[in-house]
C-alpha atoms as a PDB file:
ATOM      1  CA  MET A   1     109.908 -35.289   0.299  1.00  0.00           C
ATOM      2  CA  GLU A   2     113.253 -34.021  -0.987  1.00  0.00           C
ATOM      3  CA  THR A   3     115.263 -36.640  -2.976  1.00  0.00           C
ATOM      4  CA  PRO A   4     118.828 -37.207  -1.255  1.00  0.00           C
ATOM      5  CA  PRO A   5     121.749 -36.423  -3.355  1.00  0.00           C
ATOM      6  CA  ILE A   6     123.683 -39.652  -3.832  1.00  0.00           C
ATOM      7  CA  LEU A   7     127.347 -40.608  -4.661  1.00  0.00           C
ATOM      8  CA  GLU A   8     128.324 -44.037  -6.044  1.00  0.00           C
ATOM      9  CA  THR A   9     131.906 -44.816  -6.156  1.00  0.00           C
ATOM     10  CA  ALA A  10     133.952 -48.025  -6.288  1.00  0.00           C
ATOM     11  CA  ALA A  11     134.854 -47.667  -2.639  1.00  0.00           C
ATOM     12  CA  PHE A  12     131.555 -46.454  -1.071  1.00  0.00           C
ATOM     13  CA  ARG A  13     128.079 -45.253  -1.413  1.00  0.00           C
ATOM     14  CA  ALA A  14     127.265 -41.766   0.162  1.00  0.00           C
ATOM     15  CA  GLU A  15     123.883 -39.951   0.652  1.00  0.00           C
ATOM     16  CA  LEU A  16     123.000 -36.526   2.004  1.00  0.00           C
ATOM     17  CA  GLN A  17     119.879 -37.404   3.658  1.00  0.00           C
ATOM     18  CA  PRO A  18     117.637 -34.239   4.365  1.00  0.00           C
ATOM     19  CA  ASP A  19     115.802 -33.298   7.537  1.00  0.00           C
ATOM     20  CA  ARG A  20     117.255 -36.089   9.725  1.00  0.00           C
ATOM     21  CA  GLY A  21     118.076 -33.768  12.591  1.00  0.00           C
ATOM     22  CA  THR A  22     115.588 -32.213  14.949  1.00  0.00           C
ATOM     23  CA  ASN A  23     116.273 -28.847  13.415  1.00  0.00           C
ATOM     24  CA  GLY A  24     116.748 -29.904   9.907  1.00  0.00           C
ATOM     25  CA  GLY A  25     120.045 -30.071   8.047  1.00  0.00           C
ATOM     26  CA  TYR A  26     121.602 -33.155   6.349  1.00  0.00           C
ATOM     27  CA  SER A  27     122.940 -36.477   7.478  1.00  0.00           C
ATOM     28  CA  LEU A  28     126.015 -37.835   5.623  1.00  0.00           C
ATOM     29  CA  VAL A  29     125.404 -41.528   5.383  1.00  0.00           C
ATOM     30  CA  ILE A  30     128.059 -43.800   4.022  1.00  0.00           C
ATOM     31  CA  ASP A  31     127.258 -47.498   3.371  1.00  0.00           C
ATOM     32  CA  ASP A  32     124.141 -47.075   5.489  1.00  0.00           C
ATOM     33  CA  VAL A  33     126.016 -45.768   8.385  1.00  0.00           C
ATOM     34  CA  THR A  34     125.410 -42.061   9.517  1.00  0.00           C
ATOM     35  CA  GLN A  35     128.781 -40.495   9.450  1.00  0.00           C
ATOM     36  CA  SER A  36     127.942 -36.931  10.410  1.00  0.00           C
ATOM     37  CA  HIS A  37     125.180 -34.498  10.384  1.00  0.00           C
ATOM     38  CA  VAL A  38     125.384 -30.822   9.265  1.00  0.00           C
ATOM     39  CA  ASN A  39     122.916 -27.983   9.473  1.00  0.00           C
ATOM     40  CA  PRO A  40     124.072 -25.113   6.973  1.00  0.00           C
ATOM     41  CA  ASP A  41     121.545 -22.642   8.440  1.00  0.00           C
ATOM     42  CA  ASP A  42     122.921 -23.161  12.079  1.00  0.00           C
ATOM     43  CA  PRO A  43     126.537 -24.709  12.266  1.00  0.00           C
ATOM     44  CA  ARG A  44     126.201 -24.721  16.024  1.00  0.00           C
ATOM     45  CA  ASP A  45     123.546 -27.258  15.803  1.00  0.00           C
ATOM     46  CA  LEU A  46     125.160 -30.420  16.571  1.00  0.00           C
ATOM     47  CA  GLN A  47     123.142 -33.573  16.392  1.00  0.00           C
ATOM     48  CA  LEU A  48     125.504 -36.326  16.890  1.00  0.00           C
ATOM     49  CA  PRO A  49     126.503 -37.457  20.497  1.00  0.00           C
ATOM     50  CA  TYR A  50     130.213 -37.780  19.608  1.00  0.00           C
ATOM     51  CA  VAL A  51     130.267 -34.246  18.127  1.00  0.00           C
ATOM     52  CA  ARG A  52     128.656 -32.763  21.130  1.00  0.00           C
ATOM     53  CA  ARG A  53     131.394 -34.526  23.360  1.00  0.00           C
ATOM     54  CA  ILE A  54     134.028 -32.837  21.143  1.00  0.00           C
ATOM     55  CA  ALA A  55     132.008 -29.550  21.563  1.00  0.00           C
ATOM     56  CA  ALA A  56     132.317 -29.968  25.333  1.00  0.00           C
ATOM     57  CA  VAL A  57     136.122 -29.910  25.171  1.00  0.00           C
ATOM     58  CA  LEU A  58     136.122 -27.022  22.750  1.00  0.00           C
ATOM     59  CA  ALA A  59     134.229 -25.030  25.140  1.00  0.00           C
ATOM     60  CA  THR A  60     136.854 -25.539  27.900  1.00  0.00           C
ATOM     61  CA  LEU A  61     139.836 -24.400  25.593  1.00  0.00           C
ATOM     62  CA  PRO A  62     141.331 -20.899  26.225  1.00  0.00           C
ATOM     63  CA  GLY A  63     142.324 -18.594  23.486  1.00  0.00           C
ATOM     64  CA  GLU A  64     140.712 -17.041  20.303  1.00  0.00           C
ATOM     65  CA  SER A  65     141.233 -17.943  16.693  1.00  0.00           C
ATOM     66  CA  PRO A  66     143.128 -21.340  17.227  1.00  0.00           C
ATOM     67  CA  ALA A  67     144.810 -22.728  14.127  1.00  0.00           C
ATOM     68  CA  VAL A  68     143.088 -26.136  13.526  1.00  0.00           C
ATOM     69  CA  LEU A  69     144.059 -29.249  11.594  1.00  0.00           C
ATOM     70  CA  HIS A  70     141.323 -31.653  10.809  1.00  0.00           C
ATOM     71  CA  LEU A  71     142.218 -35.247   9.644  1.00  0.00           C
ATOM     72  CA  GLY A  72     139.108 -36.481   8.057  1.00  0.00           C
ATOM     73  CA  ALA A  73     136.342 -34.284   6.509  1.00  0.00           C
ATOM     74  CA  GLY A  74     132.860 -35.945   6.738  1.00  0.00           C
ATOM     75  CA  ALA A  75     130.230 -33.349   6.090  1.00  0.00           C
ATOM     76  CA  LEU A  76     132.775 -30.699   7.392  1.00  0.00           C
ATOM     77  CA  THR A  77     130.627 -30.243  10.716  1.00  0.00           C
ATOM     78  CA  LEU A  78     133.390 -29.436  12.860  1.00  0.00           C
ATOM     79  CA  PRO A  79     135.115 -26.887  10.536  1.00  0.00           C
ATOM     80  CA  ARG A  80     131.823 -25.051  10.128  1.00  0.00           C
ATOM     81  CA  TYR A  81     131.424 -25.213  13.913  1.00  0.00           C
ATOM     82  CA  MET A  82     134.802 -23.878  14.562  1.00  0.00           C
ATOM     83  CA  HIS A  83     134.220 -21.017  12.040  1.00  0.00           C
ATOM     84  CA  ALA A  84     130.993 -20.096  13.880  1.00  0.00           C
ATOM     85  CA  LEU A  85     132.924 -19.886  17.077  1.00  0.00           C
ATOM     86  CA  HIS A  86     136.115 -18.371  15.799  1.00  0.00           C
ATOM     87  CA  PRO A  87     135.541 -16.789  12.366  1.00  0.00           C
ATOM     88  CA  ALA A  88     139.276 -15.731  11.931  1.00  0.00           C
ATOM     89  CA  SER A  89     140.533 -19.226  12.746  1.00  0.00           C
ATOM     90  CA  ARG A  90     142.810 -20.696  10.134  1.00  0.00           C
ATOM     91  CA  GLN A  91     141.819 -24.391   9.462  1.00  0.00           C
ATOM     92  CA  ARG A  92     143.048 -26.962   7.073  1.00  0.00           C
ATOM     93  CA  VAL A  93     141.031 -30.183   6.326  1.00  0.00           C
ATOM     94  CA  VAL A  94     142.526 -33.312   4.862  1.00  0.00           C
ATOM     95  CA  GLU A  95     140.298 -35.801   3.217  1.00  0.00           C
ATOM     96  CA  LEU A  96     141.264 -39.005   1.376  1.00  0.00           C
ATOM     97  CA  TYR A  97     138.447 -39.112  -1.097  1.00  0.00           C
ATOM     98  CA  PRO A  98     138.272 -36.023  -3.507  1.00  0.00           C
ATOM     99  CA  GLU A  99     134.865 -37.205  -4.798  1.00  0.00           C
ATOM    100  CA  LEU A 100     133.367 -37.179  -1.283  1.00  0.00           C
ATOM    101  CA  LEU A 101     134.750 -33.763  -0.535  1.00  0.00           C
ATOM    102  CA  ALA A 102     133.185 -32.357  -3.661  1.00  0.00           C
ATOM    103  CA  PHE A 103     129.912 -34.180  -3.162  1.00  0.00           C
ATOM    104  CA  VAL A 104     129.555 -32.458   0.288  1.00  0.00           C
ATOM    105  CA  THR A 105     130.773 -28.912  -0.704  1.00  0.00           C
ATOM    106  CA  THR A 106     128.583 -29.069  -3.896  1.00  0.00           C
ATOM    107  CA  HIS A 107     125.287 -29.772  -2.075  1.00  0.00           C
ATOM    108  CA  VAL A 108     126.100 -28.166   1.324  1.00  0.00           C
ATOM    109  CA  PRO A 109     128.563 -25.441   0.496  1.00  0.00           C
ATOM    110  CA  LEU A 110     131.078 -23.900   3.041  1.00  0.00           C
ATOM    111  CA  PRO A 111     130.577 -20.257   4.158  1.00  0.00           C
ATOM    112  CA  PRO A 112     132.269 -18.254   1.299  1.00  0.00           C
ATOM    113  CA  ASP A 113     134.144 -16.218   3.963  1.00  0.00           C
ATOM    114  CA  ALA A 114     135.617 -19.145   5.955  1.00  0.00           C
ATOM    115  CA  PRO A 115     139.345 -19.448   5.943  1.00  0.00           C
ATOM    116  CA  ILE A 116     139.214 -23.238   5.486  1.00  0.00           C
ATOM    117  CA  GLU A 117     141.700 -24.878   3.324  1.00  0.00           C
ATOM    118  CA  LEU A 118     140.687 -28.275   1.749  1.00  0.00           C
ATOM    119  CA  ALA A 119     143.420 -30.828   0.939  1.00  0.00           C
ATOM    120  CA  ILE A 120     143.170 -34.198  -0.589  1.00  0.00           C
ATOM    121  CA  GLY A 121     145.319 -36.912   0.711  1.00  0.00           C
ATOM    122  CA  ASP A 122     145.932 -39.705   3.115  1.00  0.00           C
ATOM    123  CA  ALA A 123     145.971 -38.583   6.791  1.00  0.00           C
ATOM    124  CA  ARG A 124     149.205 -40.312   7.637  1.00  0.00           C
ATOM    125  CA  ASP A 125     150.889 -38.991   4.516  1.00  0.00           C
ATOM    126  CA  GLU A 126     149.853 -35.537   5.347  1.00  0.00           C
ATOM    127  CA  VAL A 127     150.957 -35.670   8.769  1.00  0.00           C
ATOM    128  CA  GLN A 128     154.392 -36.957   7.638  1.00  0.00           C
ATOM    129  CA  ARG A 129     154.799 -34.189   5.143  1.00  0.00           C
ATOM    130  CA  LEU A 130     153.907 -31.418   7.622  1.00  0.00           C
ATOM    131  CA  ALA A 131     156.155 -32.950  10.268  1.00  0.00           C
ATOM    132  CA  GLY A 132     158.889 -33.075   7.660  1.00  0.00           C
ATOM    133  CA  ASP A 133     158.472 -29.299   6.900  1.00  0.00           C
ATOM    134  CA  GLY A 134     158.772 -28.481  10.541  1.00  0.00           C
ATOM    135  CA  ASP A 135     157.545 -24.968  10.250  1.00  0.00           C
ATOM    136  CA  ASP A 136     153.842 -25.331  10.792  1.00  0.00           C
ATOM    137  CA  GLN A 137     152.105 -25.819  14.153  1.00  0.00           C
ATOM    138  CA  TRP A 138     148.619 -26.276  15.142  1.00  0.00           C
ATOM    139  CA  ASP A 139     146.716 -25.221  18.248  1.00  0.00           C
ATOM    140  CA  LEU A 140     144.137 -27.799  17.793  1.00  0.00           C
ATOM    141  CA  VAL A 141     144.436 -31.195  15.893  1.00  0.00           C
ATOM    142  CA  LEU A 142     141.107 -33.225  15.425  1.00  0.00           C
ATOM    143  CA  VAL A 143     141.597 -36.786  14.133  1.00  0.00           C
ATOM    144  CA  ASP A 144     138.320 -38.346  12.644  1.00  0.00           C
ATOM    145  CA  VAL A 145     139.553 -40.810  10.159  1.00  0.00           C
ATOM    146  CA  PHE A 146     137.447 -43.867   9.155  1.00  0.00           C
ATOM    147  CA  SER A 147     137.445 -46.301   6.317  1.00  0.00           C
ATOM    148  CA  GLY A 148     134.657 -48.601   5.743  1.00  0.00           C
ATOM    149  CA  GLY A 149     133.298 -47.916   9.320  1.00  0.00           C
ATOM    150  CA  ALA A 150     136.623 -48.708  10.894  1.00  0.00           C
ATOM    151  CA  VAL A 151     139.710 -46.739  11.870  1.00  0.00           C
ATOM    152  CA  PRO A 152     142.683 -47.503   9.675  1.00  0.00           C
ATOM    153  CA  ARG A 153     145.373 -49.119  11.588  1.00  0.00           C
ATOM    154  CA  HIS A 154     148.147 -47.056  10.180  1.00  0.00           C
ATOM    155  CA  VAL A 155     146.671 -43.903  12.095  1.00  0.00           C
ATOM    156  CA  THR A 156     146.562 -45.792  15.456  1.00  0.00           C
ATOM    157  CA  THR A 157     150.356 -46.369  15.879  1.00  0.00           C
ATOM    158  CA  ILE A 158     152.886 -44.759  18.114  1.00  0.00           C
ATOM    159  CA  GLU A 159     154.860 -43.660  15.118  1.00  0.00           C
ATOM    160  CA  PHE A 160     151.863 -41.779  13.690  1.00  0.00           C
ATOM    161  CA  PHE A 161     150.999 -40.011  17.037  1.00  0.00           C
ATOM    162  CA  THR A 162     154.743 -38.979  17.482  1.00  0.00           C
ATOM    163  CA  GLU A 163     154.668 -37.156  14.249  1.00  0.00           C
ATOM    164  CA  LEU A 164     151.366 -35.702  15.134  1.00  0.00           C
ATOM    165  CA  VAL A 165     152.406 -34.460  18.466  1.00  0.00           C
ATOM    166  CA  SER A 166     155.239 -32.805  16.747  1.00  0.00           C
ATOM    167  CA  LEU A 167     152.660 -30.624  14.960  1.00  0.00           C
ATOM    168  CA  LEU A 168     151.125 -29.248  18.149  1.00  0.00           C
ATOM    169  CA  SER A 169     151.792 -25.734  19.300  1.00  0.00           C
ATOM    170  CA  PRO A 170     153.225 -25.515  22.893  1.00  0.00           C
ATOM    171  CA  GLY A 171     149.756 -25.283  24.252  1.00  0.00           C
ATOM    172  CA  GLY A 172     148.147 -27.252  21.654  1.00  0.00           C
ATOM    173  CA  VAL A 173     145.432 -29.965  22.132  1.00  0.00           C
ATOM    174  CA  LEU A 174     144.833 -33.284  20.317  1.00  0.00           C
ATOM    175  CA  ILE A 175     141.413 -34.794  19.994  1.00  0.00           C
ATOM    176  CA  VAL A 176     140.770 -38.198  18.399  1.00  0.00           C
ATOM    177  CA  ASN A 177     137.436 -39.742  17.590  1.00  0.00           C
ATOM    178  CA  CYS A 178     137.708 -43.598  18.070  1.00  0.00           C
ATOM    179  CA  LEU A 179     135.056 -46.143  17.107  1.00  0.00           C
ATOM    180  CA  ASN A 180     134.617 -49.350  19.041  1.00  0.00           C
ATOM    181  CA  GLY A 181     133.193 -51.583  16.466  1.00  0.00           C
ATOM    182  CA  ALA A 182     134.511 -54.784  14.907  1.00  0.00           C
ATOM    183  CA  GLU A 183     137.906 -54.024  16.436  1.00  0.00           C
ATOM    184  CA  PRO A 184     137.262 -52.678  19.871  1.00  0.00           C
ATOM    185  CA  GLN A 185     140.936 -52.909  20.657  1.00  0.00           C
ATOM    186  CA  VAL A 186     141.703 -49.971  18.377  1.00  0.00           C
ATOM    187  CA  THR A 187     140.642 -47.405  21.103  1.00  0.00           C
ATOM    188  CA  GLY A 188     143.031 -49.088  23.638  1.00  0.00           C
ATOM    189  CA  ASP A 189     145.887 -49.140  21.135  1.00  0.00           C
ATOM    190  CA  THR A 190     145.183 -45.377  20.294  1.00  0.00           C
ATOM    191  CA  LEU A 191     144.935 -44.414  23.964  1.00  0.00           C
ATOM    192  CA  ALA A 192     148.136 -46.309  24.908  1.00  0.00           C
ATOM    193  CA  ALA A 193     150.135 -44.486  22.068  1.00  0.00           C
ATOM    194  CA  VAL A 194     148.737 -40.967  23.273  1.00  0.00           C
ATOM    195  CA  LEU A 195     149.511 -41.722  27.008  1.00  0.00           C
ATOM    196  CA  GLU A 196     153.097 -42.596  25.908  1.00  0.00           C
ATOM    197  CA  LEU A 197     153.576 -39.213  24.246  1.00  0.00           C
ATOM    198  CA  LEU A 198     151.489 -36.639  26.176  1.00  0.00           C
ATOM    199  CA  PRO A 199     151.202 -36.191  30.011  1.00  0.00           C
ATOM    200  CA  GLU A 200     147.829 -34.787  30.108  1.00  0.00           C
ATOM    201  CA  VAL A 201     144.990 -37.023  28.896  1.00  0.00           C
ATOM    202  CA  LEU A 202     141.115 -37.577  29.384  1.00  0.00           C
ATOM    203  CA  VAL A 203     138.597 -39.830  27.655  1.00  0.00           C
ATOM    204  CA  ILE A 204     134.942 -39.296  27.027  1.00  0.00           C
ATOM    205  CA  GLY A 205     132.524 -42.080  26.372  1.00  0.00           C
ATOM    206  CA  SER A 206     129.691 -44.222  27.680  1.00  0.00           C
ATOM    207  CA  GLU A 207     130.470 -46.785  30.244  1.00  0.00           C
ATOM    208  CA  ALA A 208     129.329 -49.431  28.137  1.00  0.00           C
ATOM    209  CA  VAL A 209     131.681 -48.416  25.283  1.00  0.00           C
ATOM    210  CA  LEU A 210     134.573 -47.804  27.573  1.00  0.00           C
ATOM    211  CA  ARG A 211     134.200 -51.264  29.003  1.00  0.00           C
ATOM    212  CA  ARG A 212     134.207 -52.496  25.416  1.00  0.00           C
ATOM    213  CA  VAL A 213     130.795 -54.226  25.816  1.00  0.00           C
ATOM    214  CA  ALA A 214     128.922 -52.084  23.274  1.00  0.00           C
ATOM    215  CA  PRO A 215     129.991 -50.365  20.006  1.00  0.00           C
ATOM    216  CA  GLY A 216     130.218 -46.712  19.926  1.00  0.00           C
ATOM    217  CA  ASN A 217     132.567 -43.670  20.051  1.00  0.00           C
ATOM    218  CA  THR A 218     135.333 -42.725  22.369  1.00  0.00           C
ATOM    219  CA  ILE A 219     136.874 -39.257  22.447  1.00  0.00           C
ATOM    220  CA  ILE A 220     140.484 -39.032  23.485  1.00  0.00           C
ATOM    221  CA  VAL A 221     141.960 -35.707  24.373  1.00  0.00           C
ATOM    222  CA  ALA A 222     145.642 -34.950  25.178  1.00  0.00           C
ATOM    223  CA  SER A 223     147.902 -32.031  25.614  1.00  0.00           C
ATOM    224  CA  ARG A 224     151.265 -30.994  27.220  1.00  0.00           C
ATOM    225  CA  HIS A 225     149.364 -28.709  29.401  1.00  0.00           C
ATOM    226  CA  PRO A 226     146.507 -29.474  32.024  1.00  0.00           C
ATOM    227  CA  LEU A 227     143.184 -30.099  30.716  1.00  0.00           C
ATOM    228  CA  ASP A 228     139.935 -29.335  32.578  1.00  0.00           C
ATOM    229  CA  PRO A 229     138.038 -32.632  32.981  1.00  0.00           C
ATOM    230  CA  GLU A 230     135.631 -31.045  35.600  1.00  0.00           C
ATOM    231  CA  SER A 231     134.582 -28.380  33.214  1.00  0.00           C
ATOM    232  CA  VAL A 232     134.079 -30.866  30.445  1.00  0.00           C
ATOM    233  CA  ALA A 233     131.941 -33.108  32.836  1.00  0.00           C
ATOM    234  CA  GLN A 234     129.862 -29.991  33.840  1.00  0.00           C
ATOM    235  CA  TRP A 235     129.189 -29.166  30.188  1.00  0.00           C
ATOM    236  CA  LEU A 236     128.171 -32.666  29.424  1.00  0.00           C
ATOM    237  CA  SER A 237     125.812 -32.820  32.601  1.00  0.00           C
ATOM    238  CA  THR A 238     123.855 -29.763  31.299  1.00  0.00           C
ATOM    239  CA  ASP A 239     123.419 -31.068  27.771  1.00  0.00           C
ATOM    240  CA  PRO A 240     120.416 -33.292  27.331  1.00  0.00           C
ATOM    241  CA  LEU A 241     121.707 -35.307  24.611  1.00  0.00           C
ATOM    242  CA  SER A 242     124.947 -36.019  26.306  1.00  0.00           C
ATOM    243  CA  VAL A 243     123.059 -37.002  29.547  1.00  0.00           C
ATOM    244  CA  ALA A 244     120.750 -39.278  27.454  1.00  0.00           C
ATOM    245  CA  THR A 245     123.641 -41.154  25.824  1.00  0.00           C
ATOM    246  CA  GLY A 246     125.531 -41.540  29.179  1.00  0.00           C
ATOM    247  CA  ALA A 247     128.644 -39.519  28.403  1.00  0.00           C
ATOM    248  CA  THR A 248     131.194 -39.852  31.296  1.00  0.00           C
ATOM    249  CA  VAL A 249     134.796 -38.320  31.523  1.00  0.00           C
ATOM    250  CA  VAL A 250     137.656 -40.373  32.539  1.00  0.00           C
ATOM    251  CA  ASP A 251     141.149 -39.172  33.578  1.00  0.00           C
ATOM    252  CA  GLY A 252     144.171 -39.971  35.932  1.00  0.00           C
ATOM    253  CA  PRO A 253     145.090 -43.702  36.854  1.00  0.00           C
ATOM    254  CA  ALA A 254     141.896 -45.139  35.364  1.00  0.00           C
ATOM    255  CA  LEU A 255     143.175 -44.376  31.950  1.00  0.00           C
ATOM    256  CA  GLU A 256     145.764 -46.961  32.236  1.00  0.00           C
ATOM    257  CA  GLU A 257     143.075 -49.651  32.555  1.00  0.00           C
ATOM    258  CA  LEU A 258     141.481 -48.662  29.339  1.00  0.00           C
ATOM    259  CA  ALA A 259     144.707 -48.489  27.348  1.00  0.00           C
ATOM    260  CA  GLY A 260     146.202 -51.551  25.462  1.00  0.00           C
ATOM    261  CA  THR A 261     149.742 -52.399  24.432  1.00  0.00           C
ATOM    262  CA  VAL A 262     151.405 -49.683  22.347  1.00  0.00           C
ATOM    263  CA  ARG A 263     151.033 -50.419  18.675  1.00  0.00           C
ATOM    264  CA  HIS A 264     153.873 -49.993  16.328  1.00  0.00           C
ATOM    265  CA  ASP A 265     154.054 -49.767  12.513  1.00  0.00           C
ATOM    266  CA  PRO A 266     154.629 -53.118  10.954  1.00  0.00           C
ATOM    267  CA  ARG A 267     158.259 -53.771   9.969  1.00  0.00           C
END
């Protein structure tokens, strides 16, 4: 069996474990938690349920070659997937830990022709910088930021999402991956902030996770323009892994029940 590459830092321990998926590839495991899975031979091979839920949303979005901003890199699964779907798409990936980004790209390199820019920095700081510049807009913004298995609180506030929304193009879509773990209220806080700022919102998750009685991922999708929850639900209903994990789509008035009080930056 292939020995997995290991990265030891003061902040975390990461492994790229081979052959964890049904079709091969590598799972990025950080502090014994599977963070993402990537198949360099087939970037469209998405093994984790939360990534497939994001793929269901991407399948319903119009347009070609969207400009995509990724906050959080992981194993660069979604940038690779977007490149496979839209080879000409401009993408920028922001990752806090340079050693993690170097570890992943050394052992599982990106396609050499992919127009994917890699940047090192804190997601909040990068969003503030881009919002301050005021001359860069993105058709798709994907937020997948975790630290120690939790979502950092400074990327769940109304102030953060106000800056983030300013980066969206007129028809742009925001997708946020939340984790209901030790702090299940984080998803409610994030949803409340997004509902305050954008008129069209839907949520994807299992019923147990949405009721906050089980840990797991919740995907929040938002835009200024109408989304297509029926098409997202149809995609999920034909995907065996999504069916097996009980993915459901929630929109409309039911979202208010899932949201908490809007969280502000501490003063």
